[in-house]
PDB file of N, CA and C in Angstrom:
ATOM      1  N   MET A   1      -9.709 -10.842 -46.137  1.00  0.00           N
ATOM      2  CA  MET A   1      -9.707  -9.401 -46.283  1.00  0.00           C
ATOM      3  C   MET A   1      -8.305  -8.998 -46.720  1.00  0.00           C
ATOM      4  N   SER A   2      -8.223  -8.221 -47.759  1.00  0.00           N
ATOM      5  CA  SER A   2      -6.919  -7.743 -48.195  1.00  0.00           C
ATOM      6  C   SER A   2      -6.912  -6.227 -48.202  1.00  0.00           C
ATOM      7  N   THR A   3      -5.724  -5.664 -48.042  1.00  0.00           N
ATOM      8  CA  THR A   3      -5.596  -4.204 -48.090  1.00  0.00           C
ATOM      9  C   THR A   3      -4.866  -3.822 -49.345  1.00  0.00           C
ATOM     10  N   ALA A   4      -5.293  -2.736 -49.954  1.00  0.00           N
ATOM     11  CA  ALA A   4      -4.709  -2.318 -51.228  1.00  0.00           C
ATOM     12  C   ALA A   4      -3.315  -1.755 -51.048  1.00  0.00           C
ATOM     13  N   SER A   5      -3.051  -1.040 -49.952  1.00  0.00           N
ATOM     14  CA  SER A   5      -1.766  -0.367 -49.797  1.00  0.00           C
ATOM     15  C   SER A   5      -0.621  -1.318 -49.500  1.00  0.00           C
ATOM     16  N   SER A   6      -0.812  -2.261 -48.629  1.00  0.00           N
ATOM     17  CA  SER A   6       0.307  -3.112 -48.241  1.00  0.00           C
ATOM     18  C   SER A   6       0.325  -4.444 -48.956  1.00  0.00           C
ATOM     19  N   GLY A   7      -0.792  -4.834 -49.521  1.00  0.00           N
ATOM     20  CA  GLY A   7      -0.840  -6.105 -50.207  1.00  0.00           C
ATOM     21  C   GLY A   7      -0.850  -7.290 -49.247  1.00  0.00           C
ATOM     22  N   SER A   8      -0.894  -7.045 -47.928  1.00  0.00           N
ATOM     23  CA  SER A   8      -0.909  -8.147 -46.981  1.00  0.00           C
ATOM     24  C   SER A   8      -2.316  -8.684 -46.815  1.00  0.00           C
ATOM     25  N   ARG A   9      -2.408  -9.849 -46.267  1.00  0.00           N
ATOM     26  CA  ARG A   9      -3.692 -10.505 -46.115  1.00  0.00           C
ATOM     27  C   ARG A   9      -3.912 -10.859 -44.659  1.00  0.00           C
ATOM     28  N   ARG A  10      -5.090 -10.584 -44.142  1.00  0.00           N
ATOM     29  CA  ARG A  10      -5.434 -10.941 -42.766  1.00  0.00           C
ATOM     30  C   ARG A  10      -6.348 -12.154 -42.779  1.00  0.00           C
ATOM     31  N   GLU A  11      -6.162 -12.980 -41.778  1.00  0.00           N
ATOM     32  CA  GLU A  11      -7.024 -14.168 -41.653  1.00  0.00           C
ATOM     33  C   GLU A  11      -7.859 -14.045 -40.405  1.00  0.00           C
ATOM     34  N   LEU A  12      -9.085 -14.506 -40.514  1.00  0.00           N
ATOM     35  CA  LEU A  12      -9.985 -14.540 -39.371  1.00  0.00           C
ATOM     36  C   LEU A  12     -10.079 -15.977 -38.919  1.00  0.00           C
ATOM     37  N   ARG A  13      -9.788 -16.215 -37.654  1.00  0.00           N
ATOM     38  CA  ARG A  13      -9.805 -17.579 -37.129  1.00  0.00           C
ATOM     39  C   ARG A  13     -10.874 -17.680 -36.066  1.00  0.00           C
ATOM     40  N   VAL A  14     -11.680 -18.709 -36.109  1.00  0.00           N
ATOM     41  CA  VAL A  14     -12.747 -18.928 -35.143  1.00  0.00           C
ATOM     42  C   VAL A  14     -12.202 -19.782 -34.007  1.00  0.00           C
ATOM     43  N   ARG A  15     -12.466 -19.323 -32.768  1.00  0.00           N
ATOM     44  CA  ARG A  15     -12.035 -20.104 -31.603  1.00  0.00           C
ATOM     45  C   ARG A  15     -12.902 -21.333 -31.434  1.00  0.00           C
ATOM     46  N   THR A  16     -12.289 -22.406 -31.022  1.00  0.00           N
ATOM     47  CA  THR A  16     -13.030 -23.651 -30.788  1.00  0.00           C
ATOM     48  C   THR A  16     -12.870 -24.078 -29.349  1.00  0.00           C
ATOM     49  N   ALA A  17     -13.632 -25.083 -28.956  1.00  0.00           N
ATOM     50  CA  ALA A  17     -13.528 -25.615 -27.605  1.00  0.00           C
ATOM     51  C   ALA A  17     -12.127 -26.186 -27.359  1.00  0.00           C
ATOM     52  N   LEU A  18     -11.504 -26.725 -28.401  1.00  0.00           N
ATOM     53  CA  LEU A  18     -10.140 -27.240 -28.261  1.00  0.00           C
ATOM     54  C   LEU A  18      -9.163 -26.116 -27.948  1.00  0.00           C
ATOM     55  N   ASP A  19      -9.365 -24.944 -28.589  1.00  0.00           N
ATOM     56  CA  ASP A  19      -8.517 -23.796 -28.307  1.00  0.00           C
ATOM     57  C   ASP A  19      -8.648 -23.387 -26.844  1.00  0.00           C
ATOM     58  N   ASP A  20      -9.896 -23.370 -26.340  1.00  0.00           N
ATOM     59  CA  ASP A  20     -10.136 -22.990 -24.951  1.00  0.00           C
ATOM     60  C   ASP A  20      -9.459 -23.963 -23.995  1.00  0.00           C
ATOM     61  N   GLU A  21      -9.528 -25.255 -24.305  1.00  0.00           N
ATOM     62  CA  GLU A  21      -8.896 -26.258 -23.451  1.00  0.00           C
ATOM     63  C   GLU A  21      -7.379 -26.104 -23.471  1.00  0.00           C
ATOM     64  N   ALA A  22      -6.819 -25.849 -24.635  1.00  0.00           N
ATOM     65  CA  ALA A  22      -5.374 -25.658 -24.746  1.00  0.00           C
ATOM     66  C   ALA A  22      -4.944 -24.414 -23.961  1.00  0.00           C
ATOM     67  N   ALA A  23      -5.722 -23.359 -24.040  1.00  0.00           N
ATOM     68  CA  ALA A  23      -5.404 -22.136 -23.310  1.00  0.00           C
ATOM     69  C   ALA A  23      -5.468 -22.395 -21.806  1.00  0.00           C
ATOM     70  N   ARG A  24      -6.436 -23.173 -21.363  1.00  0.00           N
ATOM     71  CA  ARG A  24      -6.575 -23.483 -19.939  1.00  0.00           C
ATOM     72  C   ARG A  24      -5.358 -24.262 -19.437  1.00  0.00           C
ATOM     73  N   GLN A  25      -4.840 -25.133 -20.272  1.00  0.00           N
ATOM     74  CA  GLN A  25      -3.676 -25.935 -19.861  1.00  0.00           C
ATOM     75  C   GLN A  25      -2.424 -25.050 -19.802  1.00  0.00           C
ATOM     76  N   LEU A  26      -2.320 -24.078 -20.688  1.00  0.00           N
ATOM     77  CA  LEU A  26      -1.168 -23.195 -20.700  1.00  0.00           C
ATOM     78  C   LEU A  26      -1.226 -22.168 -19.580  1.00  0.00           C
ATOM     79  N   ALA A  27      -2.390 -21.601 -19.353  1.00  0.00           N
ATOM     80  CA  ALA A  27      -2.573 -20.567 -18.333  1.00  0.00           C
ATOM     81  C   ALA A  27      -3.779 -20.921 -17.473  1.00  0.00           C
ATOM     82  N   PRO A  28      -3.580 -21.670 -16.399  1.00  0.00           N
ATOM     83  CA  PRO A  28      -4.691 -22.080 -15.558  1.00  0.00           C
ATOM     84  C   PRO A  28      -5.422 -20.873 -14.979  1.00  0.00           C
ATOM     85  N   ILE A  29      -6.712 -21.012 -14.804  1.00  0.00           N
ATOM     86  CA  ILE A  29      -7.539 -19.941 -14.270  1.00  0.00           C
ATOM     87  C   ILE A  29      -7.508 -20.011 -12.740  1.00  0.00           C
ATOM     88  N   PRO A  30      -7.170 -18.902 -12.080  1.00  0.00           N
ATOM     89  CA  PRO A  30      -7.145 -18.918 -10.606  1.00  0.00           C
ATOM     90  C   PRO A  30      -8.555 -19.014 -10.037  1.00  0.00           C
ATOM     91  N   THR A  31      -8.669 -19.621  -8.881  1.00  0.00           N
ATOM     92  CA  THR A  31      -9.964 -19.725  -8.213  1.00  0.00           C
ATOM     93  C   THR A  31     -10.330 -18.377  -7.592  1.00  0.00           C
ATOM     94  N   THR A  32     -11.582 -18.239  -7.217  1.00  0.00           N
ATOM     95  CA  THR A  32     -12.052 -17.022  -6.557  1.00  0.00           C
ATOM     96  C   THR A  32     -11.266 -16.800  -5.267  1.00  0.00           C
ATOM     97  N   CYS A  33     -10.981 -17.897  -4.573  1.00  0.00           N
ATOM     98  CA  CYS A  33     -10.241 -17.825  -3.328  1.00  0.00           C
ATOM     99  C   CYS A  33      -8.836 -17.263  -3.585  1.00  0.00           C
ATOM    100  N   ALA A  34      -8.202 -17.711  -4.655  1.00  0.00           N
ATOM    101  CA  ALA A  34      -6.856 -17.229  -4.990  1.00  0.00           C
ATOM    102  C   ALA A  34      -6.880 -15.738  -5.335  1.00  0.00           C
ATOM    103  N   ILE A  35      -7.911 -15.327  -6.046  1.00  0.00           N
ATOM    104  CA  ILE A  35      -8.036 -13.911  -6.404  1.00  0.00           C
ATOM    105  C   ILE A  35      -8.240 -13.053  -5.155  1.00  0.00           C
ATOM    106  N   ARG A  36      -9.088 -13.527  -4.240  1.00  0.00           N
ATOM    107  CA  ARG A  36      -9.325 -12.779  -2.996  1.00  0.00           C
ATOM    108  C   ARG A  36      -8.036 -12.681  -2.173  1.00  0.00           C
ATOM    109  N   MET A  37      -7.273 -13.748  -2.121  1.00  0.00           N
ATOM    110  CA  MET A  37      -6.016 -13.745  -1.371  1.00  0.00           C
ATOM    111  C   MET A  37      -5.024 -12.783  -1.999  1.00  0.00           C
ATOM    112  N   ALA A  38      -4.941 -12.787  -3.327  1.00  0.00           N
ATOM    113  CA  ALA A  38      -4.040 -11.862  -4.022  1.00  0.00           C
ATOM    114  C   ALA A  38      -4.450 -10.413  -3.761  1.00  0.00           C
ATOM    115  N   ASN A  39      -5.754 -10.167  -3.762  1.00  0.00           N
ATOM    116  CA  ASN A  39      -6.239  -8.808  -3.448  1.00  0.00           C
ATOM    117  C   ASN A  39      -5.893  -8.418  -2.023  1.00  0.00           C
ATOM    118  N   ALA A  40      -6.024  -9.353  -1.091  1.00  0.00           N
ATOM    119  CA  ALA A  40      -5.691  -9.074   0.307  1.00  0.00           C
ATOM    120  C   ALA A  40      -4.209  -8.708   0.445  1.00  0.00           C
ATOM    121  N   LEU A  41      -3.346  -9.448  -0.232  1.00  0.00           N
ATOM    122  CA  LEU A  41      -1.912  -9.157  -0.175  1.00  0.00           C
ATOM    123  C   LEU A  41      -1.592  -7.791  -0.783  1.00  0.00           C
ATOM    124  N   MET A  42      -2.269  -7.469  -1.871  1.00  0.00           N
ATOM    125  CA  MET A  42      -2.048  -6.187  -2.526  1.00  0.00           C
ATOM    126  C   MET A  42      -2.516  -5.029  -1.625  1.00  0.00           C
ATOM    127  N   ILE A  43      -3.689  -5.187  -1.025  1.00  0.00           N
ATOM    128  CA  ILE A  43      -4.203  -4.141  -0.122  1.00  0.00           C
ATOM    129  C   ILE A  43      -3.265  -3.970   1.067  1.00  0.00           C
ATOM    130  N   ASP A  44      -2.808  -5.077   1.619  1.00  0.00           N
ATOM    131  CA  ASP A  44      -1.885  -5.024   2.756  1.00  0.00           C
ATOM    132  C   ASP A  44      -0.615  -4.259   2.385  1.00  0.00           C
ATOM    133  N   ARG A  45      -0.081  -4.545   1.201  1.00  0.00           N
ATOM    134  CA  ARG A  45       1.139  -3.856   0.754  1.00  0.00           C
ATOM    135  C   ARG A  45       0.890  -2.366   0.589  1.00  0.00           C
ATOM    136  N   ILE A  46      -0.247  -1.991   0.030  1.00  0.00           N
ATOM    137  CA  ILE A  46      -0.595  -0.572  -0.153  1.00  0.00           C
ATOM    138  C   ILE A  46      -0.724   0.134   1.188  1.00  0.00           C
ATOM    139  N   LEU A  47      -1.418  -0.519   2.132  1.00  0.00           N
ATOM    140  CA  LEU A  47      -1.608   0.094   3.452  1.00  0.00           C
ATOM    141  C   LEU A  47      -0.274   0.241   4.190  1.00  0.00           C
ATOM    142  N   ARG A  48       0.577  -0.765   4.089  1.00  0.00           N
ATOM    143  CA  ARG A  48       1.874  -0.707   4.771  1.00  0.00           C
ATOM    144  C   ARG A  48       2.804   0.339   4.142  1.00  0.00           C
ATOM    145  N   SER A  49       2.572   0.678   2.869  1.00  0.00           N
ATOM    146  CA  SER A  49       3.415   1.675   2.211  1.00  0.00           C
ATOM    147  C   SER A  49       3.175   3.076   2.736  1.00  0.00           C
ATOM    148  N   GLY A  50       2.040   3.261   3.409  1.00  0.00           N
ATOM    149  CA  GLY A  50       1.715   4.584   3.950  1.00  0.00           C
ATOM    150  C   GLY A  50       0.964   5.469   2.973  1.00  0.00           C
ATOM    151  N   ALA A  51       0.561   4.899   1.842  1.00  0.00           N
ATOM    152  CA  ALA A  51      -0.176   5.682   0.844  1.00  0.00           C
ATOM    153  C   ALA A  51      -1.524   6.159   1.388  1.00  0.00           C
ATOM    154  N   PHE A  52      -2.073   5.415   2.348  1.00  0.00           N
ATOM    155  CA  PHE A  52      -3.324   5.773   2.994  1.00  0.00           C
ATOM    156  C   PHE A  52      -3.123   5.736   4.492  1.00  0.00           C
ATOM    157  N   LYS A  53      -3.844   6.607   5.180  1.00  0.00           N
ATOM    158  CA  LYS A  53      -3.711   6.693   6.639  1.00  0.00           C
ATOM    159  C   LYS A  53      -4.235   5.456   7.338  1.00  0.00           C
ATOM    160  N   ASN A  54      -5.349   4.926   6.839  1.00  0.00           N
ATOM    161  CA  ASN A  54      -5.978   3.771   7.487  1.00  0.00           C
ATOM    162  C   ASN A  54      -6.880   3.033   6.503  1.00  0.00           C
ATOM    163  N   VAL A  55      -7.486   1.965   6.979  1.00  0.00           N
ATOM    164  CA  VAL A  55      -8.362   1.132   6.146  1.00  0.00           C
ATOM    165  C   VAL A  55      -9.557   1.934   5.655  1.00  0.00           C
ATOM    166  N   SER A  56     -10.119   2.768   6.493  1.00  0.00           N
ATOM    167  CA  SER A  56     -11.290   3.566   6.106  1.00  0.00           C
ATOM    168  C   SER A  56     -10.983   4.482   4.936  1.00  0.00           C
ATOM    169  N   GLN A  57      -9.844   5.137   4.983  1.00  0.00           N
ATOM    170  CA  GLN A  57      -9.444   6.049   3.917  1.00  0.00           C
ATOM    171  C   GLN A  57      -9.221   5.284   2.608  1.00  0.00           C
ATOM    172  N   PHE A  58      -8.594   4.117   2.707  1.00  0.00           N
ATOM    173  CA  PHE A  58      -8.382   3.281   1.520  1.00  0.00           C
ATOM    174  C   PHE A  58      -9.710   2.827   0.929  1.00  0.00           C
ATOM    175  N   ALA A  59     -10.599   2.321   1.784  1.00  0.00           N
ATOM    176  CA  ALA A  59     -11.892   1.833   1.314  1.00  0.00           C
ATOM    177  C   ALA A  59     -12.677   2.937   0.622  1.00  0.00           C
ATOM    178  N   GLN A  60     -12.666   4.121   1.184  1.00  0.00           N
ATOM    179  CA  GLN A  60     -13.388   5.246   0.576  1.00  0.00           C
ATOM    180  C   GLN A  60     -12.762   5.598  -0.775  1.00  0.00           C
ATOM    181  N   ALA A  61     -11.437   5.565  -0.869  1.00  0.00           N
ATOM    182  CA  ALA A  61     -10.752   5.926  -2.109  1.00  0.00           C
ATOM    183  C   ALA A  61     -11.064   4.954  -3.241  1.00  0.00           C
ATOM    184  N   VAL A  62     -11.191   3.685  -2.936  1.00  0.00           N
ATOM    185  CA  VAL A  62     -11.446   2.688  -3.986  1.00  0.00           C
ATOM    186  C   VAL A  62     -12.924   2.395  -4.176  1.00  0.00           C
ATOM    187  N   GLY A  63     -13.769   2.934  -3.299  1.00  0.00           N
ATOM    188  CA  GLY A  63     -15.209   2.811  -3.464  1.00  0.00           C
ATOM    189  C   GLY A  63     -15.809   1.521  -2.978  1.00  0.00           C
ATOM    190  N   VAL A  64     -15.244   0.961  -1.918  1.00  0.00           N
ATOM    191  CA  VAL A  64     -15.821  -0.237  -1.295  1.00  0.00           C
ATOM    192  C   VAL A  64     -16.036   0.035   0.185  1.00  0.00           C
ATOM    193  N   SER A  65     -16.740  -0.872   0.852  1.00  0.00           N
ATOM    194  CA  SER A  65     -16.984  -0.675   2.281  1.00  0.00           C
ATOM    195  C   SER A  65     -15.739  -1.061   3.101  1.00  0.00           C
ATOM    196  N   LYS A  66     -15.664  -0.447   4.256  1.00  0.00           N
ATOM    197  CA  LYS A  66     -14.563  -0.748   5.177  1.00  0.00           C
ATOM    198  C   LYS A  66     -14.603  -2.210   5.592  1.00  0.00           C
ATOM    199  N   SER A  67     -15.817  -2.749   5.752  1.00  0.00           N
ATOM    200  CA  SER A  67     -15.930  -4.152   6.172  1.00  0.00           C
ATOM    201  C   SER A  67     -15.441  -5.109   5.087  1.00  0.00           C
ATOM    202  N   MET A  68     -15.628  -4.736   3.821  1.00  0.00           N
ATOM    203  CA  MET A  68     -15.120  -5.586   2.732  1.00  0.00           C
ATOM    204  C   MET A  68     -13.601  -5.658   2.770  1.00  0.00           C
ATOM    205  N   VAL A  69     -12.966  -4.509   2.965  1.00  0.00           N
ATOM    206  CA  VAL A  69     -11.504  -4.476   3.051  1.00  0.00           C
ATOM    207  C   VAL A  69     -11.058  -5.268   4.279  1.00  0.00           C
ATOM    208  N   GLY A  70     -11.755  -5.076   5.385  1.00  0.00           N
ATOM    209  CA  GLY A  70     -11.423  -5.810   6.610  1.00  0.00           C
ATOM    210  C   GLY A  70     -11.546  -7.311   6.419  1.00  0.00           C
ATOM    211  N   ASP A  71     -12.612  -7.747   5.712  1.00  0.00           N
ATOM    212  CA  ASP A  71     -12.791  -9.183   5.445  1.00  0.00           C
ATOM    213  C   ASP A  71     -11.632  -9.731   4.629  1.00  0.00           C
ATOM    214  N   LEU A  72     -11.195  -8.986   3.629  1.00  0.00           N
ATOM    215  CA  LEU A  72     -10.063  -9.442   2.817  1.00  0.00           C
ATOM    216  C   LEU A  72      -8.783  -9.508   3.654  1.00  0.00           C
ATOM    217  N   LEU A  73      -8.558  -8.503   4.462  1.00  0.00           N
ATOM    218  CA  LEU A  73      -7.332  -8.494   5.281  1.00  0.00           C
ATOM    219  C   LEU A  73      -7.342  -9.602   6.315  1.00  0.00           C
ATOM    220  N   THR A  74      -8.524 -10.040   6.738  1.00  0.00           N
ATOM    221  CA  THR A  74      -8.631 -11.151   7.700  1.00  0.00           C
ATOM    222  C   THR A  74      -8.081 -12.446   7.109  1.00  0.00           C
ATOM    223  N   LEU A  75      -8.136 -12.570   5.786  1.00  0.00           N
ATOM    224  CA  LEU A  75      -7.591 -13.764   5.139  1.00  0.00           C
ATOM    225  C   LEU A  75      -6.102 -13.936   5.444  1.00  0.00           C
ATOM    226  N   LEU A  76      -5.419 -12.841   5.708  1.00  0.00           N
ATOM    227  CA  LEU A  76      -3.979 -12.874   5.957  1.00  0.00           C
ATOM    228  C   LEU A  76      -3.627 -13.377   7.369  1.00  0.00           C
ATOM    229  N   ASP A  77      -4.645 -13.618   8.183  1.00  0.00           N
ATOM    230  CA  ASP A  77      -4.410 -14.151   9.537  1.00  0.00           C
ATOM    231  C   ASP A  77      -4.115 -15.649   9.527  1.00  0.00           C
ATOM    232  N   GLN A  78      -4.227 -16.266   8.369  1.00  0.00           N
ATOM    233  CA  GLN A  78      -3.991 -17.706   8.254  1.00  0.00           C
ATOM    234  C   GLN A  78      -2.486 -18.005   8.240  1.00  0.00           C
ATOM    235  N   PRO A  79      -2.118 -19.241   8.524  1.00  0.00           N
ATOM    236  CA  PRO A  79      -0.688 -19.612   8.458  1.00  0.00           C
ATOM    237  C   PRO A  79      -0.154 -19.418   7.043  1.00  0.00           C
ATOM    238  N   PRO A  80       1.123 -19.078   6.932  1.00  0.00           N
ATOM    239  CA  PRO A  80       1.729 -18.842   5.601  1.00  0.00           C
ATOM    240  C   PRO A  80       1.548 -19.997   4.611  1.00  0.00           C
ATOM    241  N   THR A  81       1.585 -21.219   5.096  1.00  0.00           N
ATOM    242  CA  THR A  81       1.426 -22.354   4.180  1.00  0.00           C
ATOM    243  C   THR A  81       0.019 -22.381   3.577  1.00  0.00           C
ATOM    244  N   GLU A  82      -0.971 -22.009   4.369  1.00  0.00           N
ATOM    245  CA  GLU A  82      -2.358 -21.965   3.891  1.00  0.00           C
ATOM    246  C   GLU A  82      -2.547 -20.829   2.885  1.00  0.00           C
ATOM    247  N   ILE A  83      -1.934 -19.694   3.136  1.00  0.00           N
ATOM    248  CA  ILE A  83      -1.993 -18.553   2.222  1.00  0.00           C
ATOM    249  C   ILE A  83      -1.379 -18.959   0.877  1.00  0.00           C
ATOM    250  N   GLU A  84      -0.239 -19.608   0.912  1.00  0.00           N
ATOM    251  CA  GLU A  84       0.427 -20.040  -0.311  1.00  0.00           C
ATOM    252  C   GLU A  84      -0.420 -21.052  -1.077  1.00  0.00           C
ATOM    253  N   ARG A  85      -1.011 -21.994  -0.339  1.00  0.00           N
ATOM    254  CA  ARG A  85      -1.852 -23.007  -0.993  1.00  0.00           C
ATOM    255  C   ARG A  85      -3.017 -22.345  -1.702  1.00  0.00           C
ATOM    256  N   GLN A  86      -3.656 -21.368  -1.043  1.00  0.00           N
ATOM    257  CA  GLN A  86      -4.798 -20.692  -1.648  1.00  0.00           C
ATOM    258  C   GLN A  86      -4.392 -19.830  -2.854  1.00  0.00           C
ATOM    259  N   LEU A  87      -3.233 -19.221  -2.774  1.00  0.00           N
ATOM    260  CA  LEU A  87      -2.773 -18.376  -3.861  1.00  0.00           C
ATOM    261  C   LEU A  87      -2.541 -19.155  -5.144  1.00  0.00           C
ATOM    262  N   PHE A  88      -2.033 -20.356  -5.041  1.00  0.00           N
ATOM    263  CA  PHE A  88      -1.656 -21.120  -6.235  1.00  0.00           C
ATOM    264  C   PHE A  88      -2.671 -22.197  -6.594  1.00  0.00           C
ATOM    265  N   GLU A  89      -3.863 -22.058  -6.028  1.00  0.00           N
ATOM    266  CA  GLU A  89      -4.972 -22.970  -6.347  1.00  0.00           C
ATOM    267  C   GLU A  89      -5.547 -22.577  -7.717  1.00  0.00           C
ATOM    268  N   VAL A  90      -5.817 -23.534  -8.561  1.00  0.00           N
ATOM    269  CA  VAL A  90      -6.388 -23.251  -9.875  1.00  0.00           C
ATOM    270  C   VAL A  90      -7.635 -24.099 -10.099  1.00  0.00           C
ATOM    271  N   LYS A  91      -8.463 -23.655 -11.027  1.00  0.00           N
ATOM    272  CA  LYS A  91      -9.711 -24.390 -11.368  1.00  0.00           C
ATOM    273  C   LYS A  91      -9.363 -25.562 -12.252  1.00  0.00           C
TER     274      LYS A  91
END
């Protein structure tokens, strides 16, 4: 495809399975467990900042159940080494 005004040319490149494998090696995909742990840490930071009065208010604001937020926060009861291991786990 060429444009008349700039005279530049664009190329269309098709992704291949090799491209996907190369991307995976460069940027590993986090596991579901790692994502849940990261969410728990983020929620904890937000709650500690005082932006919300309590877990119920936060859950209502983001549109999830209080028990879901509680379940995520329970992940933080693990030893720090386990939290770190889960955070940096990749597929």
